[in-house]
Amino acid sequence: MTEITKGLFGASKDIFQNNKGSILRTVIYTIGHFAIAITVLMLVADVSFMIALTDAIVEPLANSIWYFILDKWWASKLKK
């Protein structure tokens, strides 16, 4: 294994270990958001499943990044 690969895996492991709770909540939120977005788009906007699926993947991914940042900030304020 190269030094770069070892460094990347080590850094990834550290990030995961230090953020387990936030990562788990983010993943659960994202999966739920996919299902809700597909359902709402198909019922309200009357779009096809493929269009709803595309939007349901792209938009929640952006939201999940936002949620992770918000959760980390929120948790940092509770510690003080």
N, C-alpha and C. Protein backbone atom coordinates (compact mmCIF):
# COMPACT_ATOMS: atom_id res chain seq x y z
N MET A 1 0.85 -1.18 0.00
CA MET A 1 0.00 0.00 0.00
C MET A 1 0.89 1.24 0.00
N THR A 2 0.55 2.21 -0.80
CA THR A 2 1.36 3.42 -0.85
C THR A 2 1.08 4.31 0.34
N GLU A 3 1.99 5.22 0.55
CA GLU A 3 1.84 6.14 1.69
C GLU A 3 0.59 6.99 1.56
N ILE A 4 0.27 7.40 0.33
CA ILE A 4 -0.93 8.22 0.10
C ILE A 4 -2.19 7.42 0.46
N THR A 5 -2.25 6.18 0.01
CA THR A 5 -3.42 5.34 0.30
C THR A 5 -3.56 5.11 1.80
N LYS A 6 -2.46 4.83 2.48
CA LYS A 6 -2.50 4.65 3.94
C LYS A 6 -3.00 5.92 4.62
N GLY A 7 -2.54 7.06 4.13
CA GLY A 7 -2.96 8.34 4.71
C GLY A 7 -4.44 8.60 4.50
N LEU A 8 -4.92 8.29 3.30
CA LEU A 8 -6.35 8.50 3.00
C LEU A 8 -7.23 7.59 3.85
N PHE A 9 -6.84 6.31 3.94
CA PHE A 9 -7.62 5.38 4.76
C PHE A 9 -7.58 5.77 6.24
N GLY A 10 -6.42 6.19 6.70
CA GLY A 10 -6.29 6.62 8.09
C GLY A 10 -7.13 7.85 8.39
N ALA A 11 -7.08 8.81 7.48
CA ALA A 11 -7.87 10.04 7.66
C ALA A 11 -9.37 9.72 7.61
N SER A 12 -9.77 8.84 6.67
CA SER A 12 -11.18 8.46 6.57
C SER A 12 -11.64 7.77 7.85
N LYS A 13 -10.80 6.89 8.38
CA LYS A 13 -11.15 6.18 9.62
C LYS A 13 -11.30 7.16 10.77
N ASP A 14 -10.39 8.14 10.87
CA ASP A 14 -10.48 9.14 11.93
C ASP A 14 -11.75 9.98 11.80
N ILE A 15 -12.06 10.38 10.58
CA ILE A 15 -13.27 11.18 10.35
C ILE A 15 -14.50 10.38 10.76
N PHE A 16 -14.55 9.10 10.36
CA PHE A 16 -15.69 8.26 10.72
C PHE A 16 -15.79 8.08 12.23
N GLN A 17 -14.68 7.78 12.88
CA GLN A 17 -14.69 7.54 14.33
C GLN A 17 -15.14 8.79 15.10
N ASN A 18 -14.74 9.96 14.62
CA ASN A 18 -15.07 11.21 15.31
C ASN A 18 -16.46 11.74 14.99
N ASN A 19 -17.13 11.13 13.99
CA ASN A 19 -18.42 11.66 13.55
C ASN A 19 -19.49 10.59 13.38
N LYS A 20 -19.37 9.46 14.06
CA LYS A 20 -20.30 8.34 13.88
C LYS A 20 -21.76 8.77 14.01
N GLY A 21 -22.09 9.48 15.07
CA GLY A 21 -23.48 9.88 15.31
C GLY A 21 -24.02 10.76 14.20
N SER A 22 -23.25 11.77 13.82
CA SER A 22 -23.69 12.68 12.77
C SER A 22 -23.82 11.96 11.43
N ILE A 23 -22.89 11.08 11.13
CA ILE A 23 -22.94 10.35 9.87
C ILE A 23 -24.16 9.44 9.82
N LEU A 24 -24.44 8.72 10.91
CA LEU A 24 -25.60 7.83 10.95
C LEU A 24 -26.90 8.63 10.79
N ARG A 25 -27.05 9.72 11.51
CA ARG A 25 -28.26 10.55 11.38
C ARG A 25 -28.38 11.11 9.97
N THR A 26 -27.27 11.49 9.37
CA THR A 26 -27.28 12.02 8.01
C THR A 26 -27.72 10.97 7.01
N VAL A 27 -27.22 9.75 7.14
CA VAL A 27 -27.60 8.67 6.22
C VAL A 27 -29.09 8.34 6.35
N ILE A 28 -29.58 8.22 7.58
CA ILE A 28 -31.00 7.93 7.81
C ILE A 28 -31.88 9.04 7.24
N TYR A 29 -31.50 10.28 7.49
CA TYR A 29 -32.24 11.42 6.97
C TYR A 29 -32.28 11.38 5.44
N THR A 30 -31.14 11.09 4.82
CA THR A 30 -31.04 11.08 3.36
C THR A 30 -31.91 10.00 2.74
N ILE A 31 -31.90 8.81 3.30
CA ILE A 31 -32.74 7.71 2.78
C ILE A 31 -34.22 8.08 2.89
N GLY A 32 -34.62 8.60 4.03
CA GLY A 32 -36.01 9.03 4.20
C GLY A 32 -36.38 10.13 3.22
N HIS A 33 -35.46 11.03 3.01
CA HIS A 33 -35.72 12.14 2.09
C HIS A 33 -35.91 11.63 0.67
N PHE A 34 -35.12 10.63 0.24
CA PHE A 34 -35.30 10.04 -1.09
C PHE A 34 -36.74 9.55 -1.26
N ALA A 35 -37.20 8.76 -0.31
CA ALA A 35 -38.54 8.16 -0.40
C ALA A 35 -39.63 9.23 -0.39
N ILE A 36 -39.50 10.20 0.48
CA ILE A 36 -40.50 11.27 0.58
C ILE A 36 -40.52 12.10 -0.70
N ALA A 37 -39.35 12.46 -1.19
CA ALA A 37 -39.28 13.30 -2.39
C ALA A 37 -39.87 12.61 -3.60
N ILE A 38 -39.58 11.33 -3.78
CA ILE A 38 -40.14 10.59 -4.92
C ILE A 38 -41.66 10.57 -4.82
N THR A 39 -42.17 10.24 -3.66
CA THR A 39 -43.62 10.16 -3.47
C THR A 39 -44.30 11.49 -3.71
N VAL A 40 -43.78 12.55 -3.13
CA VAL A 40 -44.39 13.87 -3.27
C VAL A 40 -44.35 14.34 -4.73
N LEU A 41 -43.21 14.18 -5.36
CA LEU A 41 -43.11 14.62 -6.76
C LEU A 41 -44.07 13.87 -7.66
N MET A 42 -44.19 12.58 -7.45
CA MET A 42 -45.10 11.80 -8.30
C MET A 42 -46.56 12.16 -8.04
N LEU A 43 -46.92 12.43 -6.79
CA LEU A 43 -48.31 12.75 -6.46
C LEU A 43 -48.68 14.21 -6.75
N VAL A 44 -47.81 15.12 -6.36
CA VAL A 44 -48.14 16.54 -6.48
C VAL A 44 -47.80 17.11 -7.86
N ALA A 45 -46.61 16.82 -8.35
CA ALA A 45 -46.17 17.40 -9.61
C ALA A 45 -46.52 16.52 -10.81
N ASP A 46 -47.01 15.33 -10.54
CA ASP A 46 -47.41 14.40 -11.60
C ASP A 46 -46.29 14.17 -12.62
N VAL A 47 -45.09 13.88 -12.09
CA VAL A 47 -43.95 13.60 -12.96
C VAL A 47 -43.71 12.09 -12.98
N SER A 48 -42.95 11.64 -13.97
CA SER A 48 -42.65 10.21 -14.08
C SER A 48 -41.72 9.78 -12.93
N PHE A 49 -41.67 8.49 -12.73
CA PHE A 49 -40.82 7.94 -11.68
C PHE A 49 -39.35 8.32 -11.90
N MET A 50 -38.86 8.26 -13.14
CA MET A 50 -37.45 8.56 -13.42
C MET A 50 -37.10 10.01 -13.13
N ILE A 51 -38.00 10.92 -13.47
CA ILE A 51 -37.76 12.34 -13.17
C ILE A 51 -37.79 12.54 -11.65
N ALA A 52 -38.76 11.93 -10.99
CA ALA A 52 -38.85 12.05 -9.53
C ALA A 52 -37.62 11.45 -8.87
N LEU A 53 -37.16 10.32 -9.38
CA LEU A 53 -35.98 9.66 -8.83
C LEU A 53 -34.74 10.54 -8.98
N THR A 54 -34.57 11.13 -10.15
CA THR A 54 -33.42 12.01 -10.38
C THR A 54 -33.43 13.18 -9.41
N ASP A 55 -34.56 13.85 -9.30
CA ASP A 55 -34.66 14.98 -8.38
C ASP A 55 -34.51 14.52 -6.94
N ALA A 56 -35.07 13.36 -6.63
CA ALA A 56 -35.02 12.85 -5.26
C ALA A 56 -33.61 12.46 -4.85
N ILE A 57 -32.73 12.22 -5.78
CA ILE A 57 -31.35 11.88 -5.45
C ILE A 57 -30.49 13.14 -5.36
N VAL A 58 -30.61 14.01 -6.34
CA VAL A 58 -29.76 15.20 -6.40
C VAL A 58 -30.06 16.17 -5.25
N GLU A 59 -31.31 16.50 -5.07
CA GLU A 59 -31.68 17.50 -4.06
C GLU A 59 -31.37 17.03 -2.63
N PRO A 60 -31.69 15.80 -2.23
CA PRO A 60 -31.34 15.38 -0.87
C PRO A 60 -29.83 15.26 -0.62
N LEU A 61 -29.07 14.94 -1.65
CA LEU A 61 -27.62 14.91 -1.44
C LEU A 61 -27.10 16.28 -1.03
N ALA A 62 -27.62 17.31 -1.67
CA ALA A 62 -27.25 18.67 -1.27
C ALA A 62 -27.75 18.95 0.14
N ASN A 63 -28.98 18.53 0.44
CA ASN A 63 -29.53 18.73 1.78
C ASN A 63 -28.76 17.95 2.84
N SER A 64 -28.30 16.75 2.50
CA SER A 64 -27.58 15.94 3.49
C SER A 64 -26.25 16.58 3.85
N ILE A 65 -25.60 17.21 2.88
CA ILE A 65 -24.37 17.94 3.18
C ILE A 65 -24.68 19.11 4.10
N TRP A 66 -25.73 19.83 3.79
CA TRP A 66 -26.15 20.95 4.63
C TRP A 66 -26.48 20.45 6.05
N TYR A 67 -27.21 19.34 6.16
CA TYR A 67 -27.58 18.82 7.48
C TYR A 67 -26.34 18.42 8.28
N PHE A 68 -25.38 17.78 7.64
CA PHE A 68 -24.16 17.37 8.34
C PHE A 68 -23.44 18.59 8.90
N ILE A 69 -23.31 19.64 8.09
CA ILE A 69 -22.67 20.88 8.56
C ILE A 69 -23.45 21.48 9.71
N LEU A 70 -24.76 21.56 9.56
CA LEU A 70 -25.62 22.10 10.62
C LEU A 70 -25.51 21.29 11.90
N ASP A 71 -25.54 19.96 11.79
CA ASP A 71 -25.46 19.09 12.96
C ASP A 71 -24.12 19.26 13.68
N LYS A 72 -23.04 19.33 12.93
CA LYS A 72 -21.72 19.53 13.55
C LYS A 72 -21.66 20.87 14.26
N TRP A 73 -22.19 21.92 13.64
CA TRP A 73 -22.20 23.24 14.27
C TRP A 73 -23.06 23.22 15.54
N TRP A 74 -24.25 22.61 15.43
CA TRP A 74 -25.18 22.54 16.56
C TRP A 74 -24.56 21.78 17.73
N ALA A 75 -23.95 20.64 17.43
CA ALA A 75 -23.32 19.84 18.47
C ALA A 75 -22.17 20.60 19.13
N SER A 76 -21.45 21.39 18.36
CA SER A 76 -20.34 22.16 18.93
C SER A 76 -20.85 23.23 19.87
N LYS A 77 -22.02 23.77 19.62
CA LYS A 77 -22.60 24.80 20.49
C LYS A 77 -23.13 24.19 21.79
N LEU A 78 -23.61 22.93 21.73
CA LEU A 78 -24.11 22.29 22.94
C LEU A 78 -23.01 21.92 23.91
N LYS A 79 -21.80 21.69 23.41
CA LYS A 79 -20.67 21.31 24.24
C LYS A 79 -20.17 22.47 25.08
N LYS A 80 -20.41 23.70 24.63
CA LYS A 80 -19.88 24.89 25.31
C LYS A 80 -20.70 25.29 26.49
